mmCIF file of all heavy atoms, coordinates in Angstrom:
data_MODEL
# 
_entry.id   MODEL 
# 
loop_
_atom_site.group_PDB 
_atom_site.id 
_atom_site.type_symbol 
_atom_site.label_atom_id 
_atom_site.label_alt_id 
_atom_site.label_comp_id 
_atom_site.label_asym_id 
_atom_site.label_entity_id 
_atom_site.label_seq_id 
_atom_site.pdbx_PDB_ins_code 
_atom_site.Cartn_x 
_atom_site.Cartn_y 
_atom_site.Cartn_z 
_atom_site.occupancy 
_atom_site.B_iso_or_equiv 
_atom_site.pdbx_formal_charge 
_atom_site.auth_seq_id 
_atom_site.auth_comp_id 
_atom_site.auth_asym_id 
_atom_site.auth_atom_id 
_atom_site.pdbx_PDB_model_num 
ATOM 1   N N   . ASP A 1 1  ? 17.070 25.591 -4.838  1.00 0.00 ? 1  ASP A N   1 
ATOM 2   C CA  . ASP A 1 1  ? 16.377 25.865 -6.241  1.00 0.00 ? 1  ASP A CA  1 
ATOM 3   C C   . ASP A 1 1  ? 16.796 24.864 -7.289  1.00 0.00 ? 1  ASP A C   1 
ATOM 4   O O   . ASP A 1 1  ? 17.321 25.136 -8.345  1.00 0.00 ? 1  ASP A O   1 
ATOM 5   C CB  . ASP A 1 1  ? 16.775 27.225 -6.684  1.00 0.00 ? 1  ASP A CB  1 
ATOM 6   C CG  . ASP A 1 1  ? 15.896 27.824 -7.798  1.00 0.00 ? 1  ASP A CG  1 
ATOM 7   O OD1 . ASP A 1 1  ? 14.882 27.123 -8.147  1.00 0.00 ? 1  ASP A OD1 1 
ATOM 8   O OD2 . ASP A 1 1  ? 16.242 28.801 -8.425  1.00 0.00 ? 1  ASP A OD2 1 
ATOM 9   N N   . THR A 1 2  ? 16.579 23.591 -6.970  1.00 0.00 ? 2  THR A N   1 
ATOM 10  C CA  . THR A 1 2  ? 16.804 22.469 -7.858  1.00 0.00 ? 2  THR A CA  1 
ATOM 11  C C   . THR A 1 2  ? 15.416 21.792 -8.114  1.00 0.00 ? 2  THR A C   1 
ATOM 12  O O   . THR A 1 2  ? 15.289 20.644 -7.538  1.00 0.00 ? 2  THR A O   1 
ATOM 13  C CB  . THR A 1 2  ? 17.828 21.451 -7.386  1.00 0.00 ? 2  THR A CB  1 
ATOM 14  O OG1 . THR A 1 2  ? 17.582 21.122 -5.959  1.00 0.00 ? 2  THR A OG1 1 
ATOM 15  C CG2 . THR A 1 2  ? 19.197 22.134 -7.402  1.00 0.00 ? 2  THR A CG2 1 
ATOM 16  N N   . PRO A 1 3  ? 14.632 22.347 -8.896  1.00 0.00 ? 3  PRO A N   1 
ATOM 17  C CA  . PRO A 1 3  ? 13.220 21.713 -9.000  1.00 0.00 ? 3  PRO A CA  1 
ATOM 18  C C   . PRO A 1 3  ? 13.120 20.423 -9.673  1.00 0.00 ? 3  PRO A C   1 
ATOM 19  O O   . PRO A 1 3  ? 12.153 19.740 -9.447  1.00 0.00 ? 3  PRO A O   1 
ATOM 20  C CB  . PRO A 1 3  ? 12.541 22.887 -9.866  1.00 0.00 ? 3  PRO A CB  1 
ATOM 21  C CG  . PRO A 1 3  ? 13.582 23.459 -10.735 1.00 0.00 ? 3  PRO A CG  1 
ATOM 22  C CD  . PRO A 1 3  ? 14.756 23.575 -9.599  1.00 0.00 ? 3  PRO A CD  1 
ATOM 23  N N   . GLN A 1 4  ? 14.143 20.077 -10.399 1.00 0.00 ? 4  GLN A N   1 
ATOM 24  C CA  . GLN A 1 4  ? 14.116 18.813 -11.023 1.00 0.00 ? 4  GLN A CA  1 
ATOM 25  C C   . GLN A 1 4  ? 13.921 17.590 -9.994  1.00 0.00 ? 4  GLN A C   1 
ATOM 26  O O   . GLN A 1 4  ? 13.407 16.572 -10.322 1.00 0.00 ? 4  GLN A O   1 
ATOM 27  C CB  . GLN A 1 4  ? 15.342 18.567 -11.991 1.00 0.00 ? 4  GLN A CB  1 
ATOM 28  C CG  . GLN A 1 4  ? 15.180 17.286 -13.002 1.00 0.00 ? 4  GLN A CG  1 
ATOM 29  C CD  . GLN A 1 4  ? 14.137 17.597 -13.919 1.00 0.00 ? 4  GLN A CD  1 
ATOM 30  O OE1 . GLN A 1 4  ? 13.974 18.602 -14.501 1.00 0.00 ? 4  GLN A OE1 1 
ATOM 31  N NE2 . GLN A 1 4  ? 13.298 16.536 -14.210 1.00 0.00 ? 4  GLN A NE2 1 
ATOM 32  N N   . THR A 1 5  ? 14.526 17.781 -8.876  1.00 0.00 ? 5  THR A N   1 
ATOM 33  C CA  . THR A 1 5  ? 14.360 16.717 -7.795  1.00 0.00 ? 5  THR A CA  1 
ATOM 34  C C   . THR A 1 5  ? 12.966 16.629 -7.448  1.00 0.00 ? 5  THR A C   1 
ATOM 35  O O   . THR A 1 5  ? 12.496 15.477 -7.109  1.00 0.00 ? 5  THR A O   1 
ATOM 36  C CB  . THR A 1 5  ? 15.235 17.304 -6.595  1.00 0.00 ? 5  THR A CB  1 
ATOM 37  O OG1 . THR A 1 5  ? 16.584 17.377 -6.950  1.00 0.00 ? 5  THR A OG1 1 
ATOM 38  C CG2 . THR A 1 5  ? 15.134 16.203 -5.411  1.00 0.00 ? 5  THR A CG2 1 
ATOM 39  N N   . LEU A 1 6  ? 12.321 17.668 -7.428  1.00 0.00 ? 6  LEU A N   1 
ATOM 40  C CA  . LEU A 1 6  ? 10.783 17.610 -7.020  1.00 0.00 ? 6  LEU A CA  1 
ATOM 41  C C   . LEU A 1 6  ? 9.961  17.057 -8.270  1.00 0.00 ? 6  LEU A C   1 
ATOM 42  O O   . LEU A 1 6  ? 9.102  16.209 -7.974  1.00 0.00 ? 6  LEU A O   1 
ATOM 43  C CB  . LEU A 1 6  ? 10.236 18.963 -6.698  1.00 0.00 ? 6  LEU A CB  1 
ATOM 44  C CG  . LEU A 1 6  ? 10.781 19.455 -5.279  1.00 0.00 ? 6  LEU A CG  1 
ATOM 45  C CD1 . LEU A 1 6  ? 11.844 20.548 -5.520  1.00 0.00 ? 6  LEU A CD1 1 
ATOM 46  C CD2 . LEU A 1 6  ? 9.734  19.844 -4.324  1.00 0.00 ? 6  LEU A CD2 1 
ATOM 47  N N   . ILE A 1 7  ? 10.291 17.448 -9.466  1.00 0.00 ? 7  ILE A N   1 
ATOM 48  C CA  . ILE A 1 7  ? 9.666  16.857 -10.631 1.00 0.00 ? 7  ILE A CA  1 
ATOM 49  C C   . ILE A 1 7  ? 9.913  15.398 -10.718 1.00 0.00 ? 7  ILE A C   1 
ATOM 50  O O   . ILE A 1 7  ? 8.971  14.654 -11.046 1.00 0.00 ? 7  ILE A O   1 
ATOM 51  C CB  . ILE A 1 7  ? 10.245 17.603 -11.888 1.00 0.00 ? 7  ILE A CB  1 
ATOM 52  C CG1 . ILE A 1 7  ? 9.774  19.020 -11.933 1.00 0.00 ? 7  ILE A CG1 1 
ATOM 53  C CG2 . ILE A 1 7  ? 9.788  16.903 -13.156 1.00 0.00 ? 7  ILE A CG2 1 
ATOM 54  C CD1 . ILE A 1 7  ? 10.459 19.877 -12.991 1.00 0.00 ? 7  ILE A CD1 1 
ATOM 55  N N   . ASP A 1 8  ? 11.079 14.885 -10.305 1.00 0.00 ? 8  ASP A N   1 
ATOM 56  C CA  . ASP A 1 8  ? 11.394 13.433 -10.395 1.00 0.00 ? 8  ASP A CA  1 
ATOM 57  C C   . ASP A 1 8  ? 11.142 12.850 -8.924  1.00 0.00 ? 8  ASP A C   1 
ATOM 58  O O   . ASP A 1 8  ? 11.890 11.838 -8.549  1.00 0.00 ? 8  ASP A O   1 
ATOM 59  C CB  . ASP A 1 8  ? 12.795 13.251 -10.817 1.00 0.00 ? 8  ASP A CB  1 
ATOM 60  C CG  . ASP A 1 8  ? 13.064 13.795 -12.191 1.00 0.00 ? 8  ASP A CG  1 
ATOM 61  O OD1 . ASP A 1 8  ? 12.198 13.851 -13.000 1.00 0.00 ? 8  ASP A OD1 1 
ATOM 62  O OD2 . ASP A 1 8  ? 14.305 14.143 -12.538 1.00 0.00 ? 8  ASP A OD2 1 
ATOM 63  N N   . TYR A 1 9  ? 10.317 13.322 -8.143  1.00 0.00 ? 9  TYR A N   1 
ATOM 64  C CA  . TYR A 1 9  ? 10.003 12.912 -6.834  1.00 0.00 ? 9  TYR A CA  1 
ATOM 65  C C   . TYR A 1 9  ? 9.950  11.340 -6.655  1.00 0.00 ? 9  TYR A C   1 
ATOM 66  O O   . TYR A 1 9  ? 10.342 10.765 -5.747  1.00 0.00 ? 9  TYR A O   1 
ATOM 67  C CB  . TYR A 1 9  ? 8.822  13.663 -6.163  1.00 0.00 ? 9  TYR A CB  1 
ATOM 68  C CG  . TYR A 1 9  ? 7.556  13.112 -6.695  1.00 0.00 ? 9  TYR A CG  1 
ATOM 69  C CD1 . TYR A 1 9  ? 6.868  12.113 -5.944  1.00 0.00 ? 9  TYR A CD1 1 
ATOM 70  C CD2 . TYR A 1 9  ? 6.923  13.716 -7.691  1.00 0.00 ? 9  TYR A CD2 1 
ATOM 71  C CE1 . TYR A 1 9  ? 5.635  11.655 -6.421  1.00 0.00 ? 9  TYR A CE1 1 
ATOM 72  C CE2 . TYR A 1 9  ? 5.716  13.351 -8.116  1.00 0.00 ? 9  TYR A CE2 1 
ATOM 73  C CZ  . TYR A 1 9  ? 4.980  12.319 -7.452  1.00 0.00 ? 9  TYR A CZ  1 
ATOM 74  O OH  . TYR A 1 9  ? 3.774  11.913 -7.908  1.00 0.00 ? 9  TYR A OH  1 
ATOM 75  N N   . GLU A 1 10 ? 9.357  10.746 -7.690  1.00 0.00 ? 10 GLU A N   1 
ATOM 76  C CA  . GLU A 1 10 ? 9.119  9.336  -7.581  1.00 0.00 ? 10 GLU A CA  1 
ATOM 77  C C   . GLU A 1 10 ? 10.375 8.430  -7.544  1.00 0.00 ? 10 GLU A C   1 
ATOM 78  O O   . GLU A 1 10 ? 10.381 7.367  -7.195  1.00 0.00 ? 10 GLU A O   1 
ATOM 79  C CB  . GLU A 1 10 ? 8.175  8.802  -8.814  1.00 0.00 ? 10 GLU A CB  1 
ATOM 80  C CG  . GLU A 1 10 ? 6.809  9.318  -8.662  1.00 0.00 ? 10 GLU A CG  1 
ATOM 81  C CD  . GLU A 1 10 ? 5.954  8.960  -9.859  1.00 0.00 ? 10 GLU A CD  1 
ATOM 82  O OE1 . GLU A 1 10 ? 6.401  9.305  -11.022 1.00 0.00 ? 10 GLU A OE1 1 
ATOM 83  O OE2 . GLU A 1 10 ? 4.918  8.344  -9.659  1.00 0.00 ? 10 GLU A OE2 1 
ATOM 84  N N   . SER A 1 11 ? 11.501 9.045  -7.972  1.00 0.00 ? 11 SER A N   1 
ATOM 85  C CA  . SER A 1 11 ? 12.775 8.414  -7.917  1.00 0.00 ? 11 SER A CA  1 
ATOM 86  C C   . SER A 1 11 ? 13.289 8.041  -6.488  1.00 0.00 ? 11 SER A C   1 
ATOM 87  O O   . SER A 1 11 ? 14.254 7.325  -6.290  1.00 0.00 ? 11 SER A O   1 
ATOM 88  C CB  . SER A 1 11 ? 13.857 9.252  -8.717  1.00 0.00 ? 11 SER A CB  1 
ATOM 89  O OG  . SER A 1 11 ? 14.175 10.409 -7.934  1.00 0.00 ? 11 SER A OG  1 
ATOM 90  N N   . LEU A 1 12 ? 12.629 8.798  -5.469  1.00 0.00 ? 12 LEU A N   1 
ATOM 91  C CA  . LEU A 1 12 ? 13.001 8.442  -4.112  1.00 0.00 ? 12 LEU A CA  1 
ATOM 92  C C   . LEU A 1 12 ? 12.461 7.115  -3.672  1.00 0.00 ? 12 LEU A C   1 
ATOM 93  O O   . LEU A 1 12 ? 12.573 6.632  -2.497  1.00 0.00 ? 12 LEU A O   1 
ATOM 94  C CB  . LEU A 1 12 ? 12.480 9.517  -3.153  1.00 0.00 ? 12 LEU A CB  1 
ATOM 95  C CG  . LEU A 1 12 ? 13.585 10.462 -2.808  1.00 0.00 ? 12 LEU A CG  1 
ATOM 96  C CD1 . LEU A 1 12 ? 13.746 11.365 -4.025  1.00 0.00 ? 12 LEU A CD1 1 
ATOM 97  C CD2 . LEU A 1 12 ? 13.215 11.327 -1.632  1.00 0.00 ? 12 LEU A CD2 1 
ATOM 98  N N   . GLY A 1 13 ? 11.792 6.300  -4.464  1.00 0.00 ? 13 GLY A N   1 
ATOM 99  C CA  . GLY A 1 13 ? 11.412 4.880  -4.242  1.00 0.00 ? 13 GLY A CA  1 
ATOM 100 C C   . GLY A 1 13 ? 10.309 4.895  -3.113  1.00 0.00 ? 13 GLY A C   1 
ATOM 101 O O   . GLY A 1 13 ? 9.348  5.537  -3.162  1.00 0.00 ? 13 GLY A O   1 
ATOM 102 N N   . ASP A 1 14 ? 10.573 4.020  -2.127  1.00 0.00 ? 14 ASP A N   1 
ATOM 103 C CA  . ASP A 1 14 ? 9.543  3.746  -1.103  1.00 0.00 ? 14 ASP A CA  1 
ATOM 104 C C   . ASP A 1 14 ? 9.271  5.016  -0.464  1.00 0.00 ? 14 ASP A C   1 
ATOM 105 O O   . ASP A 1 14 ? 8.129  5.292  0.094   1.00 0.00 ? 14 ASP A O   1 
ATOM 106 C CB  . ASP A 1 14 ? 10.088 2.570  -0.077  1.00 0.00 ? 14 ASP A CB  1 
ATOM 107 C CG  . ASP A 1 14 ? 10.034 1.334  -0.732  1.00 0.00 ? 14 ASP A CG  1 
ATOM 108 O OD1 . ASP A 1 14 ? 9.341  1.125  -1.797  1.00 0.00 ? 14 ASP A OD1 1 
ATOM 109 O OD2 . ASP A 1 14 ? 10.653 0.334  -0.142  1.00 0.00 ? 14 ASP A OD2 1 
ATOM 110 N N   . ALA A 1 15 ? 10.217 5.913  -0.144  1.00 0.00 ? 15 ALA A N   1 
ATOM 111 C CA  . ALA A 1 15 ? 9.943  7.163  0.600   1.00 0.00 ? 15 ALA A CA  1 
ATOM 112 C C   . ALA A 1 15 ? 8.968  7.972  -0.207  1.00 0.00 ? 15 ALA A C   1 
ATOM 113 O O   . ALA A 1 15 ? 7.978  8.616  0.439   1.00 0.00 ? 15 ALA A O   1 
ATOM 114 C CB  . ALA A 1 15 ? 11.195 7.959  0.889   1.00 0.00 ? 15 ALA A CB  1 
ATOM 115 N N   . ALA A 1 16 ? 8.998  8.105  -1.434  1.00 0.00 ? 16 ALA A N   1 
ATOM 116 C CA  . ALA A 1 16 ? 8.085  8.738  -2.285  1.00 0.00 ? 16 ALA A CA  1 
ATOM 117 C C   . ALA A 1 16 ? 6.761  8.004  -2.400  1.00 0.00 ? 16 ALA A C   1 
ATOM 118 O O   . ALA A 1 16 ? 5.665  8.606  -2.252  1.00 0.00 ? 16 ALA A O   1 
ATOM 119 C CB  . ALA A 1 16 ? 8.663  8.968  -3.593  1.00 0.00 ? 16 ALA A CB  1 
ATOM 120 N N   . ARG A 1 17 ? 6.757  6.779  -2.530  1.00 0.00 ? 17 ARG A N   1 
ATOM 121 C CA  . ARG A 1 17 ? 5.532  5.905  -2.642  1.00 0.00 ? 17 ARG A CA  1 
ATOM 122 C C   . ARG A 1 17 ? 4.662  5.997  -1.379  1.00 0.00 ? 17 ARG A C   1 
ATOM 123 O O   . ARG A 1 17 ? 3.457  6.121  -1.489  1.00 0.00 ? 17 ARG A O   1 
ATOM 124 C CB  . ARG A 1 17 ? 5.911  4.472  -2.882  1.00 0.00 ? 17 ARG A CB  1 
ATOM 125 C CG  . ARG A 1 17 ? 4.672  3.498  -3.054  1.00 0.00 ? 17 ARG A CG  1 
ATOM 126 C CD  . ARG A 1 17 ? 5.112  2.103  -3.337  1.00 0.00 ? 17 ARG A CD  1 
ATOM 127 N NE  . ARG A 1 17 ? 6.048  1.608  -2.210  1.00 0.00 ? 17 ARG A NE  1 
ATOM 128 C CZ  . ARG A 1 17 ? 5.559  1.162  -1.023  1.00 0.00 ? 17 ARG A CZ  1 
ATOM 129 N NH1 . ARG A 1 17 ? 4.253  1.032  -0.800  1.00 0.00 ? 17 ARG A NH1 1 
ATOM 130 N NH2 . ARG A 1 17 ? 6.444  0.621  -0.192  1.00 0.00 ? 17 ARG A NH2 1 
ATOM 131 N N   . LEU A 1 18 ? 5.340  6.062  -0.212  1.00 0.00 ? 18 LEU A N   1 
ATOM 132 C CA  . LEU A 1 18 ? 4.584  6.215  1.076   1.00 0.00 ? 18 LEU A CA  1 
ATOM 133 C C   . LEU A 1 18 ? 4.230  7.667  1.403   1.00 0.00 ? 18 LEU A C   1 
ATOM 134 O O   . LEU A 1 18 ? 3.140  7.874  1.947   1.00 0.00 ? 18 LEU A O   1 
ATOM 135 C CB  . LEU A 1 18 ? 5.476  5.619  2.206   1.00 0.00 ? 18 LEU A CB  1 
ATOM 136 C CG  . LEU A 1 18 ? 5.619  4.060  2.116   1.00 0.00 ? 18 LEU A CG  1 
ATOM 137 C CD1 . LEU A 1 18 ? 6.862  3.689  3.052   1.00 0.00 ? 18 LEU A CD1 1 
ATOM 138 C CD2 . LEU A 1 18 ? 4.370  3.364  2.497   1.00 0.00 ? 18 LEU A CD2 1 
ATOM 139 N N   . SER A 1 19 ? 4.971  8.578  1.008   1.00 0.00 ? 19 SER A N   1 
ATOM 140 C CA  . SER A 1 19 ? 4.692  9.954  1.317   1.00 0.00 ? 19 SER A CA  1 
ATOM 141 C C   . SER A 1 19 ? 3.745  10.605 0.354   1.00 0.00 ? 19 SER A C   1 
ATOM 142 O O   . SER A 1 19 ? 2.978  11.474 0.702   1.00 0.00 ? 19 SER A O   1 
ATOM 143 C CB  . SER A 1 19 ? 6.036  10.780 1.235   1.00 0.00 ? 19 SER A CB  1 
ATOM 144 O OG  . SER A 1 19 ? 6.948  10.325 2.194   1.00 0.00 ? 19 SER A OG  1 
ATOM 145 N N   . VAL A 1 20 ? 3.790  10.156 -0.890  1.00 0.00 ? 20 VAL A N   1 
ATOM 146 C CA  . VAL A 1 20 ? 2.794  10.594 -2.024  1.00 0.00 ? 20 VAL A CA  1 
ATOM 147 C C   . VAL A 1 20 ? 2.071  9.541  -2.558  1.00 0.00 ? 20 VAL A C   1 
ATOM 148 O O   . VAL A 1 20 ? 2.310  9.038  -3.700  1.00 0.00 ? 20 VAL A O   1 
ATOM 149 C CB  . VAL A 1 20 ? 3.586  11.383 -3.009  1.00 0.00 ? 20 VAL A CB  1 
ATOM 150 C CG1 . VAL A 1 20 ? 2.679  12.106 -3.962  1.00 0.00 ? 20 VAL A CG1 1 
ATOM 151 C CG2 . VAL A 1 20 ? 4.495  12.426 -2.417  1.00 0.00 ? 20 VAL A CG2 1 
ATOM 152 N N   . PRO A 1 21 ? 1.125  8.763  -1.784  1.00 0.00 ? 21 PRO A N   1 
ATOM 153 C CA  . PRO A 1 21 ? 0.406  7.698  -2.350  1.00 0.00 ? 21 PRO A CA  1 
ATOM 154 C C   . PRO A 1 21 ? -0.528 8.091  -3.464  1.00 0.00 ? 21 PRO A C   1 
ATOM 155 O O   . PRO A 1 21 ? -0.907 7.282  -4.285  1.00 0.00 ? 21 PRO A O   1 
ATOM 156 C CB  . PRO A 1 21 ? -0.334 7.110  -1.145  1.00 0.00 ? 21 PRO A CB  1 
ATOM 157 C CG  . PRO A 1 21 ? -0.410 8.226  -0.196  1.00 0.00 ? 21 PRO A CG  1 
ATOM 158 C CD  . PRO A 1 21 ? 0.840  8.959  -0.422  1.00 0.00 ? 21 PRO A CD  1 
ATOM 159 N N   . GLY A 1 22 ? -0.844 9.399  -3.461  1.00 0.00 ? 22 GLY A N   1 
ATOM 160 C CA  . GLY A 1 22 ? -1.630 9.952  -4.589  1.00 0.00 ? 22 GLY A CA  1 
ATOM 161 C C   . GLY A 1 22 ? -1.112 11.390 -4.782  1.00 0.00 ? 22 GLY A C   1 
ATOM 162 O O   . GLY A 1 22 ? -0.609 12.101 -3.835  1.00 0.00 ? 22 GLY A O   1 
ATOM 163 N N   . ALA A 1 23 ? -0.896 11.853 -6.075  1.00 0.00 ? 23 ALA A N   1 
ATOM 164 C CA  . ALA A 1 23 ? -0.141 12.968 -6.345  1.00 0.00 ? 23 ALA A CA  1 
ATOM 165 C C   . ALA A 1 23 ? -0.832 14.265 -6.103  1.00 0.00 ? 23 ALA A C   1 
ATOM 166 O O   . ALA A 1 23 ? -0.290 15.377 -6.164  1.00 0.00 ? 23 ALA A O   1 
ATOM 167 C CB  . ALA A 1 23 ? 0.348  12.938 -7.801  1.00 0.00 ? 23 ALA A CB  1 
ATOM 168 N N   . ASP A 1 24 ? -2.204 14.233 -5.782  1.00 0.00 ? 24 ASP A N   1 
ATOM 169 C CA  . ASP A 1 24 ? -3.063 15.412 -5.735  1.00 0.00 ? 24 ASP A CA  1 
ATOM 170 C C   . ASP A 1 24 ? -2.451 16.539 -4.693  1.00 0.00 ? 24 ASP A C   1 
ATOM 171 O O   . ASP A 1 24 ? -2.557 17.665 -5.013  1.00 0.00 ? 24 ASP A O   1 
ATOM 172 C CB  . ASP A 1 24 ? -4.502 15.093 -5.308  1.00 0.00 ? 24 ASP A CB  1 
ATOM 173 C CG  . ASP A 1 24 ? -4.623 14.233 -4.126  1.00 0.00 ? 24 ASP A CG  1 
ATOM 174 O OD1 . ASP A 1 24 ? -3.555 13.749 -3.549  1.00 0.00 ? 24 ASP A OD1 1 
ATOM 175 O OD2 . ASP A 1 24 ? -5.759 14.009 -3.772  1.00 0.00 ? 24 ASP A OD2 1 
ATOM 176 N N   . HIS A 1 25 ? -2.013 16.084 -3.527  1.00 0.00 ? 25 HIS A N   1 
ATOM 177 C CA  . HIS A 1 25 ? -1.573 17.132 -2.579  1.00 0.00 ? 25 HIS A CA  1 
ATOM 178 C C   . HIS A 1 25 ? -0.150 17.651 -2.849  1.00 0.00 ? 25 HIS A C   1 
ATOM 179 O O   . HIS A 1 25 ? 0.240  18.631 -2.304  1.00 0.00 ? 25 HIS A O   1 
ATOM 180 C CB  . HIS A 1 25 ? -1.612 16.556 -1.138  1.00 0.00 ? 25 HIS A CB  1 
ATOM 181 C CG  . HIS A 1 25 ? -3.078 16.621 -0.606  1.00 0.00 ? 25 HIS A CG  1 
ATOM 182 N ND1 . HIS A 1 25 ? -4.090 15.840 -1.093  1.00 0.00 ? 25 HIS A ND1 1 
ATOM 183 C CD2 . HIS A 1 25 ? -3.578 17.423 0.396   1.00 0.00 ? 25 HIS A CD2 1 
ATOM 184 C CE1 . HIS A 1 25 ? -5.178 16.214 -0.408  1.00 0.00 ? 25 HIS A CE1 1 
ATOM 185 N NE2 . HIS A 1 25 ? -4.885 17.078 0.460   1.00 0.00 ? 25 HIS A NE2 1 
ATOM 186 N N   . PHE A 1 26 ? 0.566  16.892 -3.654  1.00 0.00 ? 26 PHE A N   1 
ATOM 187 C CA  . PHE A 1 26 ? 1.944  17.202 -3.925  1.00 0.00 ? 26 PHE A CA  1 
ATOM 188 C C   . PHE A 1 26 ? 2.069  18.095 -5.106  1.00 0.00 ? 26 PHE A C   1 
ATOM 189 O O   . PHE A 1 26 ? 2.861  19.167 -5.146  1.00 0.00 ? 26 PHE A O   1 
ATOM 190 C CB  . PHE A 1 26 ? 2.824  15.921 -4.229  1.00 0.00 ? 26 PHE A CB  1 
ATOM 191 C CG  . PHE A 1 26 ? 4.313  16.297 -4.444  1.00 0.00 ? 26 PHE A CG  1 
ATOM 192 C CD1 . PHE A 1 26 ? 5.109  16.508 -3.282  1.00 0.00 ? 26 PHE A CD1 1 
ATOM 193 C CD2 . PHE A 1 26 ? 4.809  16.334 -5.671  1.00 0.00 ? 26 PHE A CD2 1 
ATOM 194 C CE1 . PHE A 1 26 ? 6.417  16.795 -3.496  1.00 0.00 ? 26 PHE A CE1 1 
ATOM 195 C CE2 . PHE A 1 26 ? 6.206  16.577 -5.826  1.00 0.00 ? 26 PHE A CE2 1 
ATOM 196 C CZ  . PHE A 1 26 ? 6.978  16.740 -4.737  1.00 0.00 ? 26 PHE A CZ  1 
# 
């Protein structure tokens, strides 16, 4: 229950960029 991690998902760098190339499904 630490939602800020999900709100700041882009901070994961390449893992976020490749996993969420568009935010619609996230």
